Every structure is written in C-alpha cells, then in structure tokens.
Amino acid sequence: MYVKVRYLGLVYRVTGVFEEVIQLDDGATIHILFRIILDRYEGLSGLLFRGDGSLNPLYRVTVNGRDIEHLEGFDTKLSNGDVVAFIGPAGG
C-alpha cells in the first residue's frame, strides 16, 4: 500500500521535502512509518521526540486530518491512500 506523507513547519526544514509517497506493507502502523522516516532523515528524531521517548508536544501527527492522539496513537493502522502529516511549529 502507499501513503502520502507531508512535512510541515520546522519538520520541512529538517527533511527538505514537503511531500512524498511511501510504500508500506498492508496493516502497517504509524509506528512503522515513524521508523522508516526517522531512518531516512537524520536529525528528525531529536526534533519530534523528547528524552523520555514521548512525542514532543509542539508537534502533531495526523492521519487524514485527525490527530493520532485521538485515534490509536502510534498503533494507528494505516490504509492505502491515507495522508499522514507531520506538523511542527512554523519557523520565523
């Protein structure tokens, strides 16, 4: 399956990419997508996560416009065609 991933705000500054399509196995979760993205973009882990491993509260991750905190968090299952956005504060 394929998901579209968007990088917004400061996340875009680290990746240098606004949007990309990533291929995942059926049944993949946000956790699996995170592993792929963190391996791909050096420095992103320190931006998105705090020292205790929790997501930095300044950043949001959404699936089809819904915050993963209101879904199943990192266990949220993805489907073909989903749009996942990594939203960070805007830099100035």
Protein backbone atom coordinates (compact mmCIF):
# COMPACT_ATOMS: atom_id res chain seq x y z
CA MET A 1 0.00 0.00 0.00
CA TYR A 2 1.02 3.62 -0.41
CA VAL A 3 0.59 6.56 1.96
CA LYS A 4 1.24 10.21 1.24
CA VAL A 5 3.40 11.91 3.87
CA ARG A 6 3.54 15.68 4.33
CA TYR A 7 6.17 17.54 6.34
CA LEU A 8 5.07 20.96 7.59
CA GLY A 9 6.65 23.77 9.57
CA LEU A 10 10.03 23.01 11.12
CA VAL A 11 9.71 19.36 10.08
CA TYR A 12 10.01 20.51 6.46
CA ARG A 13 13.22 22.35 7.31
CA VAL A 14 14.81 19.11 8.51
CA THR A 15 13.57 16.88 5.68
CA GLY A 16 13.83 19.39 2.85
CA VAL A 17 10.81 17.62 1.39
CA PHE A 18 7.24 18.89 1.54
CA GLU A 19 5.54 15.69 0.44
CA GLU A 20 6.42 12.15 -0.56
CA VAL A 21 4.72 8.81 -1.12
CA ILE A 22 5.94 5.88 0.93
CA GLN A 23 5.20 2.23 0.27
CA LEU A 24 4.25 0.15 3.31
CA ASP A 25 3.10 -3.39 3.92
CA ASP A 26 -0.64 -3.85 4.43
CA GLY A 27 -1.57 -3.39 8.08
CA ALA A 28 1.36 -1.05 8.80
CA THR A 29 1.02 1.36 11.70
CA ILE A 30 2.19 4.89 12.43
CA HIS A 31 4.99 3.30 14.48
CA ILE A 32 6.34 1.50 11.39
CA LEU A 33 6.07 4.68 9.31
CA PHE A 34 7.98 6.58 12.02
CA ARG A 35 10.82 4.04 11.89
CA ILE A 36 11.14 4.45 8.11
CA ILE A 37 11.08 8.24 8.26
CA LEU A 38 13.49 8.52 11.19
CA ASP A 39 15.96 6.27 9.36
CA ARG A 40 15.62 8.41 6.24
CA TYR A 41 16.01 11.88 7.79
CA GLU A 42 18.85 12.42 10.23
CA GLY A 43 18.01 14.86 12.99
CA LEU A 44 14.27 14.31 12.83
CA SER A 45 14.20 12.10 15.93
CA GLY A 46 15.66 14.84 18.15
CA LEU A 47 13.08 17.26 16.81
CA LEU A 48 9.99 15.09 17.18
CA PHE A 49 10.75 13.23 20.41
CA ARG A 50 11.62 14.20 23.97
CA GLY A 51 14.30 12.44 26.01
CA ASP A 52 11.76 10.02 27.51
CA GLY A 53 10.70 8.83 24.03
CA SER A 54 7.35 10.63 24.00
CA LEU A 55 6.29 12.84 21.12
CA ASN A 56 7.29 16.47 21.60
CA PRO A 57 4.03 18.33 22.42
CA LEU A 58 4.95 21.10 19.96
CA TYR A 59 4.47 18.63 17.11
CA ARG A 60 1.38 16.90 15.79
CA VAL A 61 0.93 13.85 13.61
CA THR A 62 -2.35 13.46 11.76
CA VAL A 63 -3.88 10.77 9.59
CA ASN A 64 -6.39 12.16 7.12
CA GLY A 65 -6.66 15.30 9.24
CA ARG A 66 -7.21 13.50 12.57
CA ASP A 67 -4.60 13.76 15.31
CA ILE A 68 -3.18 10.33 16.20
CA GLU A 69 -3.77 11.18 19.88
CA HIS A 70 -7.49 10.87 19.11
CA LEU A 71 -7.00 7.63 17.19
CA GLU A 72 -4.80 4.81 18.46
CA GLY A 73 -1.57 6.75 18.84
CA PHE A 74 1.47 5.00 17.40
CA ASP A 75 -0.64 1.85 16.95
CA THR A 76 -2.94 3.62 14.47
CA LYS A 77 -3.25 1.38 11.41
CA LEU A 78 -2.76 2.95 8.03
CA SER A 79 -4.66 2.22 4.84
CA ASN A 80 -3.81 2.65 1.18
CA GLY A 81 -4.18 6.29 0.18
CA ASP A 82 -4.00 7.74 3.70
CA VAL A 83 -2.41 11.15 4.12
CA VAL A 84 -0.11 11.46 7.12
CA ALA A 85 1.06 14.93 8.13
CA PHE A 86 3.93 15.75 10.47
CA ILE A 87 3.10 19.25 11.67
CA GLY A 88 5.61 21.38 13.50
CA PRO A 89 5.60 24.97 14.61
CA ALA A 90 6.31 27.47 11.89
CA GLY A 91 9.81 28.85 11.93
CA GLY A 92 10.44 32.51 11.63
